[in-house]
Amino acid sequence: MGTKKRVAAVRKNLWSGLKPGAANRSELSPIVFLARAAEIYPQRVAVVHGATRINYAQFYERAKRLASALEQRGVKRGDVVAAMLPNVPALLDAHYGVPMAGAVLNAINTRLDAETVAYILAHGEAKVFITDRVYAGVVGPALKKLKKKPLVIDVDDPLYTGPGERLGSVEYEKFIGGGNPAFKWSLPRSESDPIALNYTSGTTGRPKGVVYHHRGTFLESLGNIVAWAMPTHPVYLWTLPMFHCNGWCYPWSVTAMAGTHVCLRAVDPAQIFPMIVEHGVSHMCGAPTVLTMLVAAPEQQRRQFTQAVHIMTGGSPPPAKVIKGMEELGFTVLHIYGMTELQGPSTFCAVQDSWGGLSQEDRAVQMARQGVRYQVVEGHIVADPKSCKPVKKDGQAMGEILVQGNTVMLGYLKDPKATREAFHGGWMHTGDLAVWHPGNYIEIKDRKKDVIISGGENISSVEVEIALYKHPSTALAAVVARPDEKWGETPCAFVQLKPGASATEEDFIKWCRDNLAKFKVPKKVVFGDLPTTATGKIQKYVLRERAREL
């Protein structure tokens, strides 16, 4: 063998003896965060629920008892355990105990109707269903629709004193009491195994089952911590529904930092402000509608707090006015963007040093952009949806937000066609239309289905909504397409006024004429309460129906 060939052979085999093994490789899963927290901070308060305090040693024991009890009832690896619960300790237990048993957690939207709940339970083939008495009026009829019923476990929360019967064969605390506190759980066989099943809102047709994997939720949980610079021992108030993208993965993120979870059964400013003060809350999440509720809260409900309170918001573009109002109350706002298929937040509006010199109003405008990709997101572009080629970063060219990497879902359960369509070209197609600014910040302009085409011109419903939010009487606003014989479609505005405020349709139309191009001005303005989901998103599909009926 010649000298050159010998050198090439040595170079080829230079790394051959280095391989992953038991000492340097394990499957990634967020369930390890609880074991670590219990090991290092066993006596630290992990969960607050009313007068109840659960420390990390107890939290870990409860999760192991749940896993053991599920196994005793025949739950096997890959089985689905569904839960329809408010933000209570049992749902935190489930985020660890269910995957510790090798099963998959399906946290169900608590505002769904019986028909949809029944569909989800049947489609996901749930073996166990954990539910709170408050939802008995929906869960009862849903169970009657099922041919094959799951084991039903009731959570009889002492903080709930309203109506609602027990529907199951056993109460939750008794159920986990029969589990082994020394249960020997194990990591998943593969970090690509499913850990959670979340159903989309189902605004058109049946909801789709989005499957999360251990690797993705592990990285998403750490991504939250890094993007938010979350410190050790945060105090996190559960103003975000835990069923929504598994609480944006914060059941795992907060535990990873040995933080305290402060449970909250329902979003109510009259409870939120006192809890921030009493528990020293440092972090919370919520849709822009939650922020609007806090800003609009009457003076007697508000409380002064001295600590920094960080609030992460996403779900729809928050009006700059709302961000400004939250800052005036003492909150520090971080705007994120994500979706169920991305396992929670994927993009955040990273604050630039140069923004410090801006006025509060101008800074709020910058912060209302969706921003840049999470540190754990590999690919994130605004592109042509067919060719997947990026658009210009000029703040003008519009394209679809496409995402790529470990935090993207495994796919849709039992729906290979929809999965292929979502993953066209090797990217996750979000369905959100945006522009890309020169500094790499994205700004959402609309959902594909929400673009209004009037006389051949594309109108961004978000742009019109921003104009409406600038009106001093606006509390909430949404714009949808209304059929029109001449133009095909015209913008129809729905406005919820602030308490005590008054304005007419003519007032708002004139306001829009002063702030928008003529063809973008709504031809109709409807006043009243806006329908929202449990996560605070405005239900535009309901408003589209109303607009068609006008």
Protein backbone atom coordinates (compact mmCIF):
# COMPACT_ATOMS: atom_id res chain seq x y z
CA MET A 1 0.00 0.00 0.00
CA GLY A 2 1.39 3.42 -0.98
CA THR A 3 2.03 6.19 1.54
CA LYS A 4 -0.98 8.25 0.40
CA LYS A 5 -3.31 5.24 0.69
CA ARG A 6 -2.01 4.39 4.18
CA VAL A 7 -2.58 8.01 5.34
CA ALA A 8 -6.09 7.96 3.84
CA ALA A 9 -6.88 4.68 5.65
CA VAL A 10 -5.68 6.11 8.97
CA ARG A 11 -7.79 9.23 8.48
CA LYS A 12 -10.84 7.14 7.57
CA ASN A 13 -10.54 5.11 10.80
CA LEU A 14 -9.56 8.02 13.04
CA TRP A 15 -12.94 8.08 14.86
CA SER A 16 -13.88 4.43 14.45
CA GLY A 17 -13.33 3.48 18.10
CA LEU A 18 -15.61 6.21 19.44
CA LYS A 19 -19.25 5.13 19.69
CA PRO A 20 -22.21 5.96 21.91
CA GLY A 21 -22.89 3.57 24.74
CA ALA A 22 -24.36 3.32 28.23
CA ALA A 23 -21.85 5.84 29.59
CA ASN A 24 -22.51 8.63 27.08
CA ARG A 25 -25.97 8.15 25.60
CA SER A 26 -29.53 7.91 26.90
CA GLU A 27 -32.93 8.57 25.37
CA LEU A 28 -34.08 12.15 25.87
CA SER A 29 -37.30 12.60 27.84
CA PRO A 30 -38.68 15.42 30.04
CA ILE A 31 -39.81 12.95 32.72
CA VAL A 32 -36.24 12.97 34.09
CA PHE A 33 -36.73 16.56 35.31
CA LEU A 34 -38.98 15.50 38.19
CA ALA A 35 -36.59 12.81 39.44
CA ARG A 36 -33.76 15.34 39.48
CA ALA A 37 -35.77 18.03 41.28
CA ALA A 38 -36.88 15.54 43.93
CA GLU A 39 -33.30 14.37 44.38
CA ILE A 40 -31.87 17.87 44.90
CA TYR A 41 -34.80 19.84 46.38
CA PRO A 42 -37.04 17.25 48.09
CA GLN A 43 -38.53 19.71 50.61
CA ARG A 44 -39.05 22.63 48.20
CA VAL A 45 -42.69 23.41 47.44
CA ALA A 46 -43.44 22.07 43.98
CA VAL A 47 -47.21 22.60 43.78
CA VAL A 48 -49.57 25.09 45.40
CA HIS A 49 -53.31 24.47 45.20
CA GLY A 50 -55.42 26.49 47.60
CA ALA A 51 -54.19 25.59 51.09
CA THR A 52 -52.46 22.44 49.78
CA ARG A 53 -48.66 22.37 49.48
CA ILE A 54 -46.89 19.48 47.72
CA ASN A 55 -43.10 19.32 47.92
CA TYR A 56 -40.90 17.74 45.28
CA ALA A 57 -40.45 14.46 47.15
CA GLN A 58 -44.24 14.13 47.36
CA PHE A 59 -44.75 15.23 43.73
CA TYR A 60 -42.33 12.53 42.55
CA GLU A 61 -44.04 9.94 44.74
CA ARG A 62 -47.48 10.88 43.40
CA ALA A 63 -46.27 10.50 39.80
CA LYS A 64 -44.79 7.06 40.55
CA ARG A 65 -47.97 5.98 42.33
CA LEU A 66 -50.01 7.07 39.30
CA ALA A 67 -47.73 5.13 36.93
CA SER A 68 -47.94 2.04 39.15
CA ALA A 69 -51.72 2.26 39.52
CA LEU A 70 -52.16 2.60 35.75
CA GLU A 71 -49.97 -0.44 35.18
CA GLN A 72 -52.01 -2.40 37.73
CA ARG A 73 -55.15 -1.59 35.71
CA GLY A 74 -53.61 -3.01 32.55
CA VAL A 75 -52.23 0.14 30.92
CA LYS A 76 -49.38 -0.87 28.64
CA ARG A 77 -46.68 0.94 26.68
CA GLY A 78 -48.26 3.06 23.97
CA ASP A 79 -51.76 3.11 25.50
CA VAL A 80 -53.55 6.45 25.73
CA VAL A 81 -54.57 7.98 29.05
CA ALA A 82 -56.96 10.90 28.53
CA ALA A 83 -57.62 13.71 30.99
CA MET A 84 -60.21 16.48 31.04
CA LEU A 85 -59.11 18.61 33.96
CA PRO A 86 -58.63 22.22 35.03
CA ASN A 87 -55.15 23.30 36.10
CA VAL A 88 -55.03 21.09 39.20
CA PRO A 89 -52.30 18.89 40.77
CA ALA A 90 -53.69 15.73 39.16
CA LEU A 91 -52.89 17.07 35.69
CA LEU A 92 -49.32 17.89 36.75
CA ASP A 93 -49.03 14.32 38.11
CA ALA A 94 -50.22 12.99 34.76
CA HIS A 95 -47.49 14.79 32.81
CA TYR A 96 -45.00 12.53 34.60
CA GLY A 97 -46.92 9.48 35.81
CA VAL A 98 -48.49 8.65 32.45
CA PRO A 99 -45.20 8.57 30.46
CA MET A 100 -43.48 6.84 33.41
CA ALA A 101 -45.90 3.98 32.70
CA GLY A 102 -44.89 4.11 29.03
CA ALA A 103 -48.31 5.50 28.11
CA VAL A 104 -49.34 8.61 26.15
CA LEU A 105 -51.14 11.56 27.77
CA ASN A 106 -54.11 13.09 25.97
CA ALA A 107 -55.12 16.32 27.75
CA ILE A 108 -58.50 17.36 26.31
CA ASN A 109 -59.76 20.90 25.77
CA THR A 110 -62.17 21.56 28.64
CA ARG A 111 -64.51 23.72 26.54
CA LEU A 112 -65.38 21.13 23.92
CA ASP A 113 -68.87 19.72 23.43
CA ALA A 114 -69.87 16.12 24.21
CA GLU A 115 -69.82 15.06 20.56
CA THR A 116 -66.21 16.20 20.07
CA VAL A 117 -65.03 14.77 23.40
CA ALA A 118 -66.54 11.42 22.44
CA TYR A 119 -64.81 11.58 19.05
CA ILE A 120 -61.42 12.31 20.67
CA LEU A 121 -61.77 9.48 23.20
CA ALA A 122 -62.71 7.02 20.43
CA HIS A 123 -60.16 8.24 17.87
CA GLY A 124 -57.31 8.16 20.41
CA GLU A 125 -58.54 4.81 21.78
CA ALA A 126 -58.22 6.03 25.38
CA LYS A 127 -57.89 3.21 27.91
CA VAL A 128 -58.25 5.50 30.93
CA PHE A 129 -60.07 8.82 31.33
CA ILE A 130 -59.35 11.13 34.30
CA THR A 131 -61.95 13.88 34.71
CA ASP A 132 -63.11 16.60 37.10
CA ARG A 133 -66.70 16.80 38.42
CA VAL A 134 -67.13 20.28 36.92
CA TYR A 135 -67.24 18.73 33.42
CA ALA A 136 -69.79 16.02 34.24
CA GLY A 137 -72.44 17.72 32.12
CA VAL A 138 -70.28 17.18 29.01
CA VAL A 139 -68.37 14.03 29.98
CA GLY A 140 -71.49 12.07 30.93
CA PRO A 141 -73.15 12.40 27.48
CA ALA A 142 -69.77 11.85 25.78
CA LEU A 143 -69.26 8.53 27.57
CA LYS A 144 -72.74 7.37 26.53
CA LYS A 145 -71.77 7.81 22.88
CA LEU A 146 -68.81 5.42 23.17
CA LYS A 147 -69.08 1.76 22.18
CA LYS A 148 -65.96 0.90 24.18
CA LYS A 149 -65.72 2.84 27.41
CA PRO A 150 -62.42 3.64 29.16
CA LEU A 151 -61.76 3.28 32.88
CA VAL A 152 -63.09 6.56 34.31
CA ILE A 153 -61.33 8.15 37.30
CA ASP A 154 -62.91 11.13 39.07
CA VAL A 155 -60.98 14.08 40.45
CA ASP A 156 -63.11 15.39 43.32
CA ASP A 157 -61.25 18.63 43.95
CA PRO A 158 -62.10 20.15 47.36
CA LEU A 159 -61.71 23.63 45.83
CA TYR A 160 -64.71 22.93 43.60
CA THR A 161 -68.05 23.05 45.40
CA GLY A 162 -70.38 23.41 42.41
CA PRO A 163 -72.64 20.87 40.69
CA GLY A 164 -71.41 17.76 38.92
CA GLU A 165 -71.68 14.09 39.76
CA ARG A 166 -68.94 11.50 39.91
CA LEU A 167 -69.00 9.39 36.77
CA GLY A 168 -66.15 6.96 37.43
CA SER A 169 -65.55 3.84 39.44
CA VAL A 170 -62.83 5.37 41.64
CA GLU A 171 -61.72 8.77 42.94
CA TYR A 172 -58.26 9.96 41.85
CA GLU A 173 -56.59 10.25 45.28
CA LYS A 174 -57.79 6.76 46.22
CA PHE A 175 -56.62 5.46 42.85
CA ILE A 176 -53.04 6.71 43.19
CA GLY A 177 -53.06 5.71 46.88
CA GLY A 178 -53.08 2.11 45.68
CA GLY A 179 -49.97 2.65 43.55
CA ASN A 180 -46.43 1.74 44.53
CA PRO A 181 -44.41 4.83 45.66
CA ALA A 182 -41.22 2.93 44.75
CA PHE A 183 -42.38 2.14 41.20
CA LYS A 184 -39.42 1.44 38.90
CA TRP A 185 -40.07 3.49 35.80
CA SER A 186 -37.83 3.57 32.76
CA LEU A 187 -37.02 5.87 29.88
CA PRO A 188 -38.76 5.26 26.54
CA ARG A 189 -37.30 2.60 24.28
CA SER A 190 -36.77 5.36 21.72
CA GLU A 191 -36.81 9.10 22.29
CA SER A 192 -39.00 9.28 19.17
CA ASP A 193 -41.75 7.34 20.96
CA PRO A 194 -44.97 9.32 21.54
CA ILE A 195 -45.39 11.06 24.89
CA ALA A 196 -48.54 13.14 24.32
CA LEU A 197 -51.52 13.42 22.02
CA ASN A 198 -53.12 16.83 21.49
CA TYR A 199 -56.11 17.58 19.31
CA THR A 200 -56.34 20.71 17.16
CA SER A 201 -59.26 23.09 17.60
CA GLY A 202 -61.25 21.43 14.84
CA THR A 203 -62.70 24.67 13.48
CA THR A 204 -63.21 22.94 10.13
CA GLY A 205 -64.25 19.29 10.25
CA ARG A 206 -62.99 16.86 12.87
CA PRO A 207 -60.01 17.85 15.06
CA LYS A 208 -56.69 16.23 14.15
CA GLY A 209 -54.63 14.29 16.68
CA VAL A 210 -51.15 15.82 16.95
CA VAL A 211 -48.56 13.38 18.29
CA TYR A 212 -45.66 14.66 20.43
CA HIS A 213 -42.45 12.71 21.06
CA HIS A 214 -40.12 12.50 24.09
CA ARG A 215 -37.17 14.10 22.29
CA GLY A 216 -39.26 17.03 21.06
CA THR A 217 -40.85 17.82 24.42
CA PHE A 218 -37.46 17.53 26.18
CA LEU A 219 -35.91 20.07 23.82
CA GLU A 220 -38.98 22.31 23.76
CA SER A 221 -38.95 22.41 27.58
CA LEU A 222 -35.31 23.51 27.60
CA GLY A 223 -36.01 25.94 24.76
CA ASN A 224 -38.60 27.68 26.95
CA ILE A 225 -36.05 28.08 29.72
CA VAL A 226 -33.36 29.50 27.44
CA ALA A 227 -35.62 31.83 25.44
CA TRP A 228 -37.16 33.25 28.62
CA ALA A 229 -33.92 33.18 30.65
CA MET A 230 -35.91 31.38 33.34
CA PRO A 231 -33.99 31.32 36.64
CA THR A 232 -33.73 28.55 39.22
CA HIS A 233 -36.89 28.28 41.30
CA PRO A 234 -39.36 30.34 39.29
CA VAL A 235 -42.86 30.70 40.72
CA TYR A 236 -45.20 29.94 37.82
CA LEU A 237 -48.90 30.82 37.92
CA TRP A 238 -51.05 28.58 35.71
CA THR A 239 -53.06 31.18 33.79
CA LEU A 240 -52.53 29.11 30.61
CA PRO A 241 -54.70 25.99 30.20
CA MET A 242 -52.51 22.94 30.82
CA PHE A 243 -54.36 21.05 28.08
CA HIS A 244 -53.13 23.52 25.44
CA CYS A 245 -49.96 22.05 23.85
CA ASN A 246 -49.35 20.45 27.27
CA GLY A 247 -49.25 23.92 28.76
CA TRP A 248 -46.67 24.94 26.13
CA CYS A 249 -44.47 22.27 27.80
CA TYR A 250 -44.22 24.31 31.03
CA PRO A 251 -45.21 21.39 33.29
CA TRP A 252 -41.76 20.11 32.33
CA SER A 253 -39.90 23.45 32.01
CA VAL A 254 -40.86 24.73 35.47
CA THR A 255 -40.00 21.39 37.07
CA ALA A 256 -36.64 21.32 35.28
CA MET A 257 -35.80 24.53 37.16
CA ALA A 258 -37.25 23.16 40.44
CA GLY A 259 -39.88 25.87 40.34
CA THR A 260 -43.22 26.16 42.08
CA HIS A 261 -46.42 25.47 40.13
CA VAL A 262 -49.28 27.64 41.41
CA CYS A 263 -52.52 26.01 40.24
CA LEU A 264 -55.52 28.03 39.08
CA ARG A 265 -58.84 26.44 38.16
CA ALA A 266 -60.10 29.39 36.10
CA VAL A 267 -58.70 32.66 34.75
CA ASP A 268 -60.07 35.52 36.83
CA PRO A 269 -58.25 38.84 37.43
CA ALA A 270 -59.86 39.03 40.87
CA GLN A 271 -57.88 35.89 41.78
CA ILE A 272 -54.78 36.46 39.65
CA PHE A 273 -53.64 39.77 41.14
CA PRO A 274 -53.86 38.59 44.80
CA MET A 275 -52.09 35.31 43.92
CA ILE A 276 -49.23 37.20 42.25
CA VAL A 277 -48.70 39.08 45.51
CA GLU A 278 -49.31 36.18 47.93
CA HIS A 279 -47.08 33.62 46.21
CA GLY A 280 -44.45 35.94 44.72
CA VAL A 281 -45.30 34.86 41.18
CA SER A 282 -42.44 35.45 38.73
CA HIS A 283 -43.74 33.87 35.52
CA MET A 284 -47.04 33.21 33.76
CA CYS A 285 -48.39 32.67 30.24
CA GLY A 286 -51.58 33.51 28.41
CA ALA A 287 -53.23 34.53 25.16
CA PRO A 288 -53.58 38.25 24.39
CA THR A 289 -57.18 38.08 25.63
CA VAL A 290 -55.84 37.20 29.10
CA LEU A 291 -53.60 40.28 28.96
CA THR A 292 -56.59 42.34 27.86
CA MET A 293 -58.56 41.08 30.89
CA LEU A 294 -55.76 42.12 33.24
CA VAL A 295 -55.37 45.56 31.65
CA ALA A 296 -59.15 46.12 31.79
CA ALA A 297 -59.53 44.86 35.39
CA PRO A 298 -61.19 47.41 37.67
CA GLU A 299 -58.98 49.22 40.13
CA GLN A 300 -60.40 47.37 43.14
CA GLN A 301 -59.21 44.01 41.72
CA ARG A 302 -55.63 45.14 41.06
CA ARG A 303 -52.75 44.72 43.47
CA GLN A 304 -49.32 46.32 43.58
CA PHE A 305 -46.40 43.89 43.40
CA THR A 306 -42.73 44.62 43.86
CA GLN A 307 -41.17 41.59 42.15
CA ALA A 308 -40.59 41.28 38.41
CA VAL A 309 -43.48 39.38 36.80
CA HIS A 310 -42.75 37.99 33.35
CA ILE A 311 -45.66 37.08 31.11
CA MET A 312 -45.33 35.17 27.84
CA THR A 313 -48.12 35.69 25.33
CA GLY A 314 -49.04 34.13 22.01
CA GLY A 315 -51.94 32.66 20.07
CA SER A 316 -52.68 35.80 18.08
CA PRO A 317 -50.77 39.05 17.51
CA PRO A 318 -51.11 41.12 20.70
CA PRO A 319 -52.03 44.75 20.07
CA ALA A 320 -49.17 47.12 20.89
CA LYS A 321 -51.66 49.00 23.09
CA VAL A 322 -52.16 45.91 25.25
CA ILE A 323 -48.39 45.34 25.63
CA LYS A 324 -48.03 48.99 26.66
CA GLY A 325 -50.85 48.59 29.19
CA MET A 326 -49.24 45.47 30.71
CA GLU A 327 -45.92 47.26 31.09
CA GLU A 328 -47.67 50.10 32.89
CA LEU A 329 -49.10 47.53 35.34
CA GLY A 330 -45.57 46.27 36.04
CA PHE A 331 -45.44 43.16 33.82
CA THR A 332 -42.58 42.31 31.45
CA VAL A 333 -44.08 40.90 28.25
CA LEU A 334 -42.43 38.36 25.94
CA HIS A 335 -44.29 37.71 22.70
CA ILE A 336 -44.00 34.21 21.24
CA TYR A 337 -45.41 32.33 18.27
CA GLY A 338 -46.16 28.64 18.02
CA MET A 339 -48.88 26.12 17.34
CA THR A 340 -50.03 22.69 18.49
CA GLU A 341 -47.98 21.00 15.75
CA LEU A 342 -44.81 22.73 17.03
CA GLN A 343 -45.25 21.48 20.62
CA GLY A 344 -45.73 25.04 21.84
CA PRO A 345 -43.64 28.19 21.28
CA SER A 346 -41.27 28.13 18.33
CA THR A 347 -40.47 31.80 17.87
CA PHE A 348 -39.96 34.62 20.37
CA CYS A 349 -39.54 38.35 20.07
CA ALA A 350 -35.98 38.66 21.35
CA VAL A 351 -35.46 42.16 22.75
CA GLN A 352 -32.68 44.17 21.12
CA ASP A 353 -30.48 46.57 23.13
CA SER A 354 -31.34 49.36 20.69
CA TRP A 355 -35.02 49.18 21.69
CA GLY A 356 -34.11 50.71 25.05
CA GLY A 357 -33.91 54.11 23.42
CA LEU A 358 -37.38 53.89 21.90
CA SER A 359 -40.53 55.37 23.36
CA GLN A 360 -42.79 52.92 25.18
CA GLU A 361 -45.23 52.98 22.28
CA ASP A 362 -42.56 52.37 19.61
CA ARG A 363 -41.01 49.59 21.70
CA ALA A 364 -44.44 47.96 22.02
CA VAL A 365 -44.75 47.97 18.21
CA GLN A 366 -41.43 46.08 17.93
CA MET A 367 -42.48 43.65 20.67
CA ALA A 368 -45.74 42.87 18.87
CA ARG A 369 -43.76 41.09 16.13
CA GLN A 370 -43.47 37.32 16.41
CA GLY A 371 -39.68 37.54 16.25
CA VAL A 372 -36.92 34.99 15.70
CA ARG A 373 -36.58 31.24 16.15
CA TYR A 374 -36.07 29.47 19.45
CA GLN A 375 -32.52 28.27 20.11
CA VAL A 376 -33.72 24.66 19.76
CA VAL A 377 -35.43 25.22 16.38
CA GLU A 378 -33.20 24.22 13.46
CA GLY A 379 -35.06 25.80 10.56
CA HIS A 380 -37.46 28.73 10.46
CA ILE A 381 -38.24 30.65 7.26
CA VAL A 382 -40.93 32.66 5.52
CA ALA A 383 -41.32 31.11 2.10
CA ASP A 384 -43.46 30.31 -0.90
CA PRO A 385 -45.62 27.39 0.30
CA LYS A 386 -45.25 25.40 -2.92
CA SER A 387 -41.54 25.80 -3.73
CA CYS A 388 -40.44 26.34 -0.09
CA LYS A 389 -38.10 29.07 -1.36
CA PRO A 390 -37.62 31.95 1.13
CA VAL A 391 -39.15 35.35 0.37
CA LYS A 392 -37.14 38.57 0.55
CA LYS A 393 -36.39 39.94 4.01
CA ASP A 394 -37.87 43.31 3.19
CA GLY A 395 -40.86 43.45 5.52
CA GLN A 396 -43.14 43.49 2.45
CA ALA A 397 -43.02 40.14 0.62
CA MET A 398 -45.51 37.73 2.15
CA GLY A 399 -45.07 33.99 2.50
CA GLU A 400 -45.94 31.09 4.75
CA ILE A 401 -44.05 30.38 7.98
CA LEU A 402 -42.23 27.05 7.59
CA VAL A 403 -40.48 25.28 10.47
CA GLN A 404 -38.04 22.37 10.65
CA GLY A 405 -36.40 20.47 13.49
CA ASN A 406 -36.76 18.38 16.62
CA THR A 407 -39.65 20.32 18.11
CA VAL A 408 -41.98 19.57 15.20
CA MET A 409 -44.66 16.92 15.87
CA LEU A 410 -44.32 13.29 14.78
CA GLY A 411 -47.43 13.74 12.67
CA TYR A 412 -51.22 13.41 12.77
CA LEU A 413 -52.67 10.27 14.33
CA LYS A 414 -54.29 7.95 11.75
CA ASP A 415 -54.01 10.63 9.05
CA PRO A 416 -51.02 10.01 6.76
CA LYS A 417 -52.44 12.25 4.01
CA ALA A 418 -52.66 15.29 6.29
CA THR A 419 -49.19 14.51 7.66
CA ARG A 420 -47.69 14.39 4.13
CA GLU A 421 -49.35 17.70 3.26
CA ALA A 422 -48.12 19.36 6.45
CA PHE A 423 -44.55 18.13 5.81
CA HIS A 424 -44.42 19.06 2.10
CA GLY A 425 -40.88 19.84 0.94
CA GLY A 426 -39.33 18.76 4.24
CA TRP A 427 -40.88 21.62 6.20
CA MET A 428 -43.76 21.93 8.66
CA HIS A 429 -46.31 24.17 6.96
CA THR A 430 -47.95 26.34 9.62
CA GLY A 431 -50.66 27.95 7.50
CA ASP A 432 -49.65 31.36 8.87
CA LEU A 433 -48.76 34.13 6.43
CA ALA A 434 -46.04 36.58 7.41
CA VAL A 435 -43.41 39.02 6.21
CA TRP A 436 -39.72 38.75 7.03
CA HIS A 437 -37.98 41.90 8.25
CA PRO A 438 -34.33 42.68 7.43
CA GLY A 439 -33.26 41.80 10.99
CA ASN A 440 -34.71 38.27 10.61
CA TYR A 441 -37.82 39.06 12.68
CA ILE A 442 -41.05 37.66 11.28
CA GLU A 443 -44.40 39.42 11.53
CA ILE A 444 -47.63 37.52 11.00
CA LYS A 445 -50.09 39.14 8.65
CA ASP A 446 -52.79 36.48 8.56
CA ARG A 447 -53.82 32.85 8.47
CA LYS A 448 -54.17 31.51 4.93
CA LYS A 449 -57.87 30.96 5.53
CA ASP A 450 -58.34 34.45 7.05
CA VAL A 451 -57.08 36.51 4.10
CA ILE A 452 -59.95 38.56 2.66
CA ILE A 453 -59.97 38.84 -1.13
CA SER A 454 -62.01 41.88 -2.11
CA GLY A 455 -62.22 42.86 -5.77
CA GLY A 456 -59.06 40.85 -6.45
CA GLU A 457 -57.12 42.65 -3.68
CA ASN A 458 -55.77 40.71 -0.68
CA ILE A 459 -56.68 42.29 2.66
CA SER A 460 -54.94 41.22 5.85
CA SER A 461 -57.52 40.81 8.60
CA VAL A 462 -54.70 41.37 11.14
CA GLU A 463 -53.89 44.78 9.63
CA VAL A 464 -57.52 45.87 9.95
CA GLU A 465 -57.67 44.50 13.51
CA ILE A 466 -54.58 46.51 14.48
CA ALA A 467 -56.34 49.67 13.29
CA LEU A 468 -59.46 48.76 15.29
CA TYR A 469 -57.42 48.13 18.46
CA LYS A 470 -56.02 51.65 18.24
CA HIS A 471 -59.51 53.05 18.79
CA PRO A 472 -59.77 54.07 22.47
CA SER A 473 -63.09 52.23 22.98
CA THR A 474 -61.89 48.80 21.77
CA ALA A 475 -61.45 45.90 24.19
CA LEU A 476 -61.40 43.07 21.62
CA ALA A 477 -61.63 43.09 17.83
CA ALA A 478 -61.73 40.58 15.01
CA VAL A 479 -62.21 40.89 11.25
CA VAL A 480 -63.52 38.23 8.87
CA ALA A 481 -64.70 38.05 5.29
CA ARG A 482 -68.35 38.80 4.53
CA PRO A 483 -69.78 37.66 1.17
CA ASP A 484 -70.48 40.55 -1.21
CA GLU A 485 -72.19 40.39 -4.61
CA LYS A 486 -70.03 43.12 -6.13
CA TRP A 487 -66.61 42.59 -4.51
CA GLY A 488 -66.76 38.88 -3.71
CA GLU A 489 -65.79 39.57 -0.09
CA THR A 490 -65.53 42.64 2.12
CA PRO A 491 -64.13 43.04 5.64
CA CYS A 492 -66.66 42.63 8.45
CA ALA A 493 -65.52 43.85 11.89
CA PHE A 494 -66.67 42.49 15.24
CA VAL A 495 -65.85 44.75 18.19
CA GLN A 496 -66.21 44.23 21.92
CA LEU A 497 -66.20 47.61 23.63
CA LYS A 498 -64.48 48.40 26.91
CA PRO A 499 -66.79 48.50 29.95
CA GLY A 500 -68.54 51.85 30.02
CA ALA A 501 -67.36 52.84 26.54
CA SER A 502 -69.72 53.82 23.75
CA ALA A 503 -69.20 54.16 20.00
CA THR A 504 -71.21 53.75 16.81
CA GLU A 505 -70.62 51.83 13.61
CA GLU A 506 -70.07 55.15 11.83
CA ASP A 507 -67.41 56.11 14.41
CA PHE A 508 -65.38 52.96 13.71
CA ILE A 509 -65.76 53.14 9.94
CA LYS A 510 -64.55 56.74 9.97
CA TRP A 511 -61.65 55.72 12.25
CA CYS A 512 -60.63 53.00 9.80
CA ARG A 513 -60.86 55.39 6.86
CA ASP A 514 -58.37 57.62 8.66
CA ASN A 515 -55.97 54.72 9.32
CA LEU A 516 -56.32 52.33 6.35
CA ALA A 517 -56.47 52.26 2.57
CA LYS A 518 -60.05 52.73 1.37
CA PHE A 519 -60.53 49.17 0.09
CA LYS A 520 -59.50 47.75 3.50
CA VAL A 521 -62.14 49.63 5.50
CA PRO A 522 -64.84 47.34 6.99
CA LYS A 523 -68.24 47.71 5.35
CA LYS A 524 -69.93 46.43 8.49
CA VAL A 525 -69.15 46.73 12.23
CA VAL A 526 -70.95 44.49 14.73
CA PHE A 527 -70.80 45.15 18.48
CA GLY A 528 -70.99 42.57 21.27
CA ASP A 529 -69.01 39.97 23.21
CA LEU A 530 -66.57 38.00 21.05
CA PRO A 531 -66.52 34.18 21.27
CA THR A 532 -63.18 32.81 22.48
CA THR A 533 -61.63 29.40 23.03
CA ALA A 534 -60.38 28.17 26.42
CA THR A 535 -56.93 29.42 25.44
CA GLY A 536 -58.26 32.92 24.73
CA LYS A 537 -58.21 32.75 20.92
CA ILE A 538 -61.09 34.49 19.18
CA GLN A 539 -63.22 31.89 17.36
CA LYS A 540 -63.22 33.36 13.88
CA TYR A 541 -65.13 30.42 12.42
CA VAL A 542 -68.10 31.45 14.60
CA LEU A 543 -67.76 35.03 13.39
CA ARG A 544 -67.60 33.90 9.74
CA GLU A 545 -70.97 32.19 10.20
CA ARG A 546 -72.39 35.35 11.74
CA ALA A 547 -71.01 37.46 8.90
CA ARG A 548 -72.59 35.15 6.32
CA GLU A 549 -75.94 35.47 8.08
CA LEU A 550 -75.87 39.28 8.08
